[in-house]
Amino acid sequence: MVDEVMQQERHQARMQRLKAKVDAKIQAAQEERGIVIVITGNGKGKSTSGFGTVARAVGHGLTTAVVQFIKGTWACGERDLLEKSGCQFHVMATGFTWETQNKDADIAAAEKVWAEGKKLLADPNVDLILFDELTYMLSYKYLDIDEVLDAIVNRPENQHVVVTGRGAHKALIEIADTVSEVQSIKHAFEAGIKAQKGVDW
């Protein structure tokens, strides 16, 4: 019984120290403005995380938009759901570059969708924009990186931007406020399991 009391006291002391540290960080973080989030890495879940952020924003009544590169040639559960809640979508809709095998057409499609993205980045009435798979457009040089970075940096003060995709460019990481890297430990596809409706797409 005495040991249990001592364990509880030690636990409470640890939690009090932890609470003091957390409270101090909360007190120090008083700046309020739009942030740039980059979700990169080789693991599954980058777009899922980005769409989760959009869903959260929609749930809080924010105005949202999605600019989607690479993907878009098949059904998208996120789009079907979020469009019903007023989230606007601009989709490149060419599929993966190894399927199109036409660089000029891919660049033209990317530039067309990016033009819509630039409009959104200049609109103070849009609270949050997801640029899904944008990193590929920069690494493939389908879009001019300086133009993209300039538009993101000079967006309205309170607008949030989420960028997903593998191999995020160093310059994009530098302007981001939050960067998360998703690592792959295992993937069902590598074991011969096909992509599952409602889970993978």
C-alpha atoms as a PDB file:
ATOM      1  CA  MET A   1       0.000   0.000   0.000  1.00  0.00           C
ATOM      2  CA  VAL A   2       2.844   2.352   0.892  1.00  0.00           C
ATOM      3  CA  ASP A   3       4.556   1.520  -2.428  1.00  0.00           C
ATOM      4  CA  GLU A   4       1.372   2.334  -4.343  1.00  0.00           C
ATOM      5  CA  VAL A   5       1.096   5.707  -2.598  1.00  0.00           C
ATOM      6  CA  MET A   6       4.751   6.495  -3.364  1.00  0.00           C
ATOM      7  CA  GLN A   7       4.310   5.476  -7.002  1.00  0.00           C
ATOM      8  CA  GLN A   8       1.264   7.701  -7.284  1.00  0.00           C
ATOM      9  CA  GLU A   9       3.142  10.617  -5.720  1.00  0.00           C
ATOM     10  CA  ARG A  10       6.092  10.156  -8.108  1.00  0.00           C
ATOM     11  CA  HIS A  11       3.703   9.936 -11.064  1.00  0.00           C
ATOM     12  CA  GLN A  12       1.903  13.087  -9.971  1.00  0.00           C
ATOM     13  CA  ALA A  13       5.211  14.940  -9.571  1.00  0.00           C
ATOM     14  CA  ARG A  14       6.300  13.892 -13.086  1.00  0.00           C
ATOM     15  CA  MET A  15       2.979  15.009 -14.562  1.00  0.00           C
ATOM     16  CA  GLN A  16       3.195  18.347 -12.752  1.00  0.00           C
ATOM     17  CA  ARG A  17       6.664  18.965 -14.213  1.00  0.00           C
ATOM     18  CA  LEU A  18       5.408  17.988 -17.661  1.00  0.00           C
ATOM     19  CA  LYS A  19       2.368  20.250 -17.327  1.00  0.00           C
ATOM     20  CA  ALA A  20       4.586  23.177 -16.364  1.00  0.00           C
ATOM     21  CA  LYS A  21       6.690  22.671 -19.517  1.00  0.00           C
ATOM     22  CA  VAL A  22       3.624  22.351 -21.761  1.00  0.00           C
ATOM     23  CA  ASP A  23       1.982  25.399 -20.185  1.00  0.00           C
ATOM     24  CA  ALA A  24       5.160  27.432 -20.757  1.00  0.00           C
ATOM     25  CA  LYS A  25       5.235  26.451 -24.446  1.00  0.00           C
ATOM     26  CA  ILE A  26       1.566  27.353 -24.844  1.00  0.00           C
ATOM     27  CA  GLN A  27       2.188  30.710 -23.187  1.00  0.00           C
ATOM     28  CA  ALA A  28       5.156  31.387 -25.489  1.00  0.00           C
ATOM     29  CA  ALA A  29       3.225  30.517 -28.664  1.00  0.00           C
ATOM     30  CA  GLN A  30       1.051  33.597 -29.037  1.00  0.00           C
ATOM     31  CA  GLU A  31       1.587  34.508 -32.697  1.00  0.00           C
ATOM     32  CA  GLU A  32      -1.498  33.855 -34.811  1.00  0.00           C
ATOM     33  CA  ARG A  33      -1.162  33.623 -38.610  1.00  0.00           C
ATOM     34  CA  GLY A  34      -1.519  31.206 -41.481  1.00  0.00           C
ATOM     35  CA  ILE A  35       1.011  28.392 -41.548  1.00  0.00           C
ATOM     36  CA  VAL A  36       2.613  26.254 -44.235  1.00  0.00           C
ATOM     37  CA  ILE A  37       2.607  22.506 -43.577  1.00  0.00           C
ATOM     38  CA  VAL A  38       4.666  20.109 -45.695  1.00  0.00           C
ATOM     39  CA  ILE A  39       3.970  16.376 -45.453  1.00  0.00           C
ATOM     40  CA  THR A  40       6.652  14.424 -47.291  1.00  0.00           C
ATOM     41  CA  GLY A  41       8.529  11.110 -47.184  1.00  0.00           C
ATOM     42  CA  ASN A  42       8.252   7.702 -48.839  1.00  0.00           C
ATOM     43  CA  GLY A  43       5.542   6.234 -46.623  1.00  0.00           C
ATOM     44  CA  LYS A  44       1.794   5.925 -47.192  1.00  0.00           C
ATOM     45  CA  GLY A  45      -0.446   8.566 -45.651  1.00  0.00           C
ATOM     46  CA  LYS A  46       0.721  11.949 -46.914  1.00  0.00           C
ATOM     47  CA  SER A  47      -2.388  12.788 -48.927  1.00  0.00           C
ATOM     48  CA  THR A  48      -4.517  11.136 -46.245  1.00  0.00           C
ATOM     49  CA  SER A  49      -3.034  13.492 -43.667  1.00  0.00           C
ATOM     50  CA  GLY A  50      -3.545  16.484 -45.942  1.00  0.00           C
ATOM     51  CA  PHE A  51      -7.184  15.600 -46.548  1.00  0.00           C
ATOM     52  CA  GLY A  52      -7.631  15.046 -42.821  1.00  0.00           C
ATOM     53  CA  THR A  53      -6.500  18.620 -42.254  1.00  0.00           C
ATOM     54  CA  VAL A  54      -8.979  19.840 -44.878  1.00  0.00           C
ATOM     55  CA  ALA A  55     -11.775  17.841 -43.194  1.00  0.00           C
ATOM     56  CA  ARG A  56     -10.863  19.372 -39.838  1.00  0.00           C
ATOM     57  CA  ALA A  57     -10.977  22.871 -41.328  1.00  0.00           C
ATOM     58  CA  VAL A  58     -14.352  22.156 -42.960  1.00  0.00           C
ATOM     59  CA  GLY A  59     -15.626  20.926 -39.615  1.00  0.00           C
ATOM     60  CA  HIS A  60     -14.713  24.284 -38.087  1.00  0.00           C
ATOM     61  CA  GLY A  61     -16.530  26.163 -40.840  1.00  0.00           C
ATOM     62  CA  LEU A  62     -13.432  27.350 -42.702  1.00  0.00           C
ATOM     63  CA  THR A  63     -13.374  27.932 -46.448  1.00  0.00           C
ATOM     64  CA  THR A  64     -11.182  25.308 -48.087  1.00  0.00           C
ATOM     65  CA  ALA A  65      -9.849  24.285 -51.480  1.00  0.00           C
ATOM     66  CA  VAL A  66      -7.845  21.397 -52.909  1.00  0.00           C
ATOM     67  CA  VAL A  67      -5.463  21.618 -55.856  1.00  0.00           C
ATOM     68  CA  GLN A  68      -4.603  18.058 -56.849  1.00  0.00           C
ATOM     69  CA  PHE A  69      -1.677  17.092 -59.089  1.00  0.00           C
ATOM     70  CA  ILE A  70      -0.725  13.682 -60.571  1.00  0.00           C
ATOM     71  CA  LYS A  71      -3.823  11.811 -59.400  1.00  0.00           C
ATOM     72  CA  GLY A  72      -7.403  12.360 -60.440  1.00  0.00           C
ATOM     73  CA  THR A  73      -8.270   9.764 -63.060  1.00  0.00           C
ATOM     74  CA  TRP A  74     -10.238   7.518 -60.706  1.00  0.00           C
ATOM     75  CA  ALA A  75     -12.894   7.907 -58.009  1.00  0.00           C
ATOM     76  CA  CYS A  76     -11.792   9.941 -55.006  1.00  0.00           C
ATOM     77  CA  GLY A  77     -13.708   9.378 -51.776  1.00  0.00           C
ATOM     78  CA  GLU A  78     -12.280  12.545 -50.236  1.00  0.00           C
ATOM     79  CA  ARG A  79     -13.437  14.672 -53.146  1.00  0.00           C
ATOM     80  CA  ASP A  80     -16.903  13.105 -53.147  1.00  0.00           C
ATOM     81  CA  LEU A  81     -17.256  13.911 -49.442  1.00  0.00           C
ATOM     82  CA  LEU A  82     -15.614  17.322 -49.220  1.00  0.00           C
ATOM     83  CA  GLU A  83     -17.231  18.852 -52.306  1.00  0.00           C
ATOM     84  CA  LYS A  84     -20.600  18.292 -50.620  1.00  0.00           C
ATOM     85  CA  SER A  85     -19.321  20.485 -47.780  1.00  0.00           C
ATOM     86  CA  GLY A  86     -18.349  23.349 -50.110  1.00  0.00           C
ATOM     87  CA  CYS A  87     -14.664  22.522 -50.583  1.00  0.00           C
ATOM     88  CA  GLN A  88     -13.645  23.417 -54.136  1.00  0.00           C
ATOM     89  CA  PHE A  89     -11.389  21.097 -56.135  1.00  0.00           C
ATOM     90  CA  HIS A  90      -9.052  21.760 -59.049  1.00  0.00           C
ATOM     91  CA  VAL A  91      -7.692  18.466 -60.367  1.00  0.00           C
ATOM     92  CA  MET A  92      -4.922  17.861 -62.887  1.00  0.00           C
ATOM     93  CA  ALA A  93      -6.677  14.570 -63.748  1.00  0.00           C
ATOM     94  CA  THR A  94      -3.938  13.155 -65.950  1.00  0.00           C
ATOM     95  CA  GLY A  95      -2.964  10.262 -63.717  1.00  0.00           C
ATOM     96  CA  PHE A  96       0.608   9.293 -62.932  1.00  0.00           C
ATOM     97  CA  THR A  97       3.371  10.519 -65.241  1.00  0.00           C
ATOM     98  CA  TRP A  98       4.502   6.984 -66.034  1.00  0.00           C
ATOM     99  CA  GLU A  99       1.008   6.382 -67.425  1.00  0.00           C
ATOM    100  CA  THR A 100       0.718   9.535 -69.564  1.00  0.00           C
ATOM    101  CA  GLN A 101       4.285   9.311 -70.920  1.00  0.00           C
ATOM    102  CA  ASN A 102       3.843  12.767 -72.444  1.00  0.00           C
ATOM    103  CA  LYS A 103       5.884  15.425 -70.691  1.00  0.00           C
ATOM    104  CA  ASP A 104       4.568  18.380 -72.698  1.00  0.00           C
ATOM    105  CA  ALA A 105       0.958  17.411 -71.997  1.00  0.00           C
ATOM    106  CA  ASP A 106       1.741  16.889 -68.314  1.00  0.00           C
ATOM    107  CA  ILE A 107       3.402  20.295 -68.052  1.00  0.00           C
ATOM    108  CA  ALA A 108       0.432  21.979 -69.746  1.00  0.00           C
ATOM    109  CA  ALA A 109      -1.987  20.206 -67.383  1.00  0.00           C
ATOM    110  CA  ALA A 110       0.109  21.136 -64.352  1.00  0.00           C
ATOM    111  CA  GLU A 111       0.303  24.785 -65.379  1.00  0.00           C
ATOM    112  CA  LYS A 112      -3.465  24.918 -65.927  1.00  0.00           C
ATOM    113  CA  VAL A 113      -4.187  23.599 -62.441  1.00  0.00           C
ATOM    114  CA  TRP A 114      -1.448  25.772 -60.905  1.00  0.00           C
ATOM    115  CA  ALA A 115      -3.113  28.861 -62.432  1.00  0.00           C
ATOM    116  CA  GLU A 116      -6.169  28.051 -60.320  1.00  0.00           C
ATOM    117  CA  GLY A 117      -3.929  27.508 -57.318  1.00  0.00           C
ATOM    118  CA  LYS A 118      -2.367  30.945 -57.731  1.00  0.00           C
ATOM    119  CA  LYS A 119      -5.826  32.528 -57.722  1.00  0.00           C
ATOM    120  CA  LEU A 120      -6.624  30.743 -54.477  1.00  0.00           C
ATOM    121  CA  LEU A 121      -3.324  31.877 -52.927  1.00  0.00           C
ATOM    122  CA  ALA A 122      -4.321  35.483 -53.672  1.00  0.00           C
ATOM    123  CA  ASP A 123      -7.824  35.151 -52.211  1.00  0.00           C
ATOM    124  CA  PRO A 124      -8.104  36.199 -48.543  1.00  0.00           C
ATOM    125  CA  ASN A 125     -11.516  34.529 -48.346  1.00  0.00           C
ATOM    126  CA  VAL A 126      -9.926  31.065 -48.692  1.00  0.00           C
ATOM    127  CA  ASP A 127      -8.756  29.881 -45.275  1.00  0.00           C
ATOM    128  CA  LEU A 128      -6.908  26.688 -46.200  1.00  0.00           C
ATOM    129  CA  ILE A 129      -5.556  25.181 -49.423  1.00  0.00           C
ATOM    130  CA  LEU A 130      -4.241  21.660 -49.910  1.00  0.00           C
ATOM    131  CA  PHE A 131      -1.736  21.258 -52.747  1.00  0.00           C
ATOM    132  CA  ASP A 132      -1.789  17.484 -53.057  1.00  0.00           C
ATOM    133  CA  GLU A 133       1.324  15.976 -54.731  1.00  0.00           C
ATOM    134  CA  LEU A 134       2.765  19.413 -55.538  1.00  0.00           C
ATOM    135  CA  THR A 135       6.271  18.231 -54.666  1.00  0.00           C
ATOM    136  CA  TYR A 136       6.430  16.133 -57.837  1.00  0.00           C
ATOM    137  CA  MET A 137       5.652  19.148 -60.003  1.00  0.00           C
ATOM    138  CA  LEU A 138       8.687  20.898 -58.535  1.00  0.00           C
ATOM    139  CA  SER A 139      11.089  17.955 -58.702  1.00  0.00           C
ATOM    140  CA  TYR A 140      10.056  17.174 -62.302  1.00  0.00           C
ATOM    141  CA  LYS A 141      10.349  20.919 -63.088  1.00  0.00           C
ATOM    142  CA  TYR A 142       6.829  21.003 -64.499  1.00  0.00           C
ATOM    143  CA  LEU A 143       6.291  24.217 -62.518  1.00  0.00           C
ATOM    144  CA  ASP A 144       8.722  27.035 -61.788  1.00  0.00           C
ATOM    145  CA  ILE A 145       9.784  26.655 -58.173  1.00  0.00           C
ATOM    146  CA  ASP A 146      10.467  30.369 -57.653  1.00  0.00           C
ATOM    147  CA  GLU A 147       6.972  31.240 -58.850  1.00  0.00           C
ATOM    148  CA  VAL A 148       5.404  28.626 -56.577  1.00  0.00           C
ATOM    149  CA  LEU A 149       7.389  29.686 -53.513  1.00  0.00           C
ATOM    150  CA  ASP A 150       6.688  33.368 -54.169  1.00  0.00           C
ATOM    151  CA  ALA A 151       2.942  32.737 -54.380  1.00  0.00           C
ATOM    152  CA  ILE A 152       2.959  30.736 -51.147  1.00  0.00           C
ATOM    153  CA  VAL A 153       5.109  33.220 -49.219  1.00  0.00           C
ATOM    154  CA  ASN A 154       3.047  36.224 -50.374  1.00  0.00           C
ATOM    155  CA  ARG A 155      -0.388  34.689 -49.730  1.00  0.00           C
ATOM    156  CA  PRO A 156      -2.885  36.407 -47.367  1.00  0.00           C
ATOM    157  CA  GLU A 157      -1.558  36.545 -43.807  1.00  0.00           C
ATOM    158  CA  ASN A 158      -4.081  34.176 -42.231  1.00  0.00           C
ATOM    159  CA  GLN A 159      -4.280  31.622 -45.035  1.00  0.00           C
ATOM    160  CA  HIS A 160      -3.021  28.099 -44.336  1.00  0.00           C
ATOM    161  CA  VAL A 161      -1.298  25.933 -46.959  1.00  0.00           C
ATOM    162  CA  VAL A 162      -0.705  22.176 -46.871  1.00  0.00           C
ATOM    163  CA  VAL A 163       1.654  20.577 -49.408  1.00  0.00           C
ATOM    164  CA  THR A 164       2.014  16.808 -49.828  1.00  0.00           C
ATOM    165  CA  GLY A 165       4.258  14.506 -51.828  1.00  0.00           C
ATOM    166  CA  ARG A 166       7.569  12.693 -51.803  1.00  0.00           C
ATOM    167  CA  GLY A 167      10.930  14.396 -52.052  1.00  0.00           C
ATOM    168  CA  ALA A 168       9.931  17.894 -50.934  1.00  0.00           C
ATOM    169  CA  HIS A 169      12.357  20.459 -52.360  1.00  0.00           C
ATOM    170  CA  LYS A 170      14.792  21.942 -49.837  1.00  0.00           C
ATOM    171  CA  ALA A 171      13.520  25.467 -50.566  1.00  0.00           C
ATOM    172  CA  LEU A 172       9.935  24.389 -49.875  1.00  0.00           C
ATOM    173  CA  ILE A 173      10.983  22.871 -46.551  1.00  0.00           C
ATOM    174  CA  GLU A 174      12.778  26.097 -45.650  1.00  0.00           C
ATOM    175  CA  ILE A 175       9.653  28.260 -46.013  1.00  0.00           C
ATOM    176  CA  ALA A 176       7.417  25.761 -44.198  1.00  0.00           C
ATOM    177  CA  ASP A 177       6.384  26.217 -40.582  1.00  0.00           C
ATOM    178  CA  THR A 178       5.725  22.520 -39.982  1.00  0.00           C
ATOM    179  CA  VAL A 179       7.341  19.613 -41.838  1.00  0.00           C
ATOM    180  CA  SER A 180       6.446  15.972 -41.254  1.00  0.00           C
ATOM    181  CA  GLU A 181       8.172  13.027 -42.903  1.00  0.00           C
ATOM    182  CA  VAL A 182       6.159   9.830 -43.371  1.00  0.00           C
ATOM    183  CA  GLN A 183       8.396   6.751 -43.420  1.00  0.00           C
ATOM    184  CA  SER A 184       7.520   3.371 -44.901  1.00  0.00           C
ATOM    185  CA  ILE A 185       7.931   0.350 -42.633  1.00  0.00           C
ATOM    186  CA  LYS A 186       5.632  -2.017 -44.556  1.00  0.00           C
ATOM    187  CA  HIS A 187       3.132  -1.562 -47.368  1.00  0.00           C
ATOM    188  CA  ALA A 188       0.393  -3.997 -48.330  1.00  0.00           C
ATOM    189  CA  PHE A 189       0.943  -3.345 -52.052  1.00  0.00           C
ATOM    190  CA  GLU A 190       4.502  -4.657 -51.807  1.00  0.00           C
ATOM    191  CA  ALA A 191       3.018  -7.923 -50.498  1.00  0.00           C
ATOM    192  CA  GLY A 192       0.767  -8.192 -53.545  1.00  0.00           C
ATOM    193  CA  ILE A 193      -2.389  -6.755 -51.980  1.00  0.00           C
ATOM    194  CA  LYS A 194      -4.314  -4.473 -54.327  1.00  0.00           C
ATOM    195  CA  ALA A 195      -5.330  -0.937 -53.343  1.00  0.00           C
ATOM    196  CA  GLN A 196      -8.533  -1.041 -51.327  1.00  0.00           C
ATOM    197  CA  LYS A 197     -11.545   1.190 -51.995  1.00  0.00           C
ATOM    198  CA  GLY A 198     -12.289   3.349 -48.973  1.00  0.00           C
ATOM    199  CA  VAL A 199      -8.852   2.789 -47.466  1.00  0.00           C
ATOM    200  CA  ASP A 200      -6.293   3.529 -50.180  1.00  0.00           C
ATOM    201  CA  TRP A 201      -8.499   5.656 -52.453  1.00  0.00           C
END
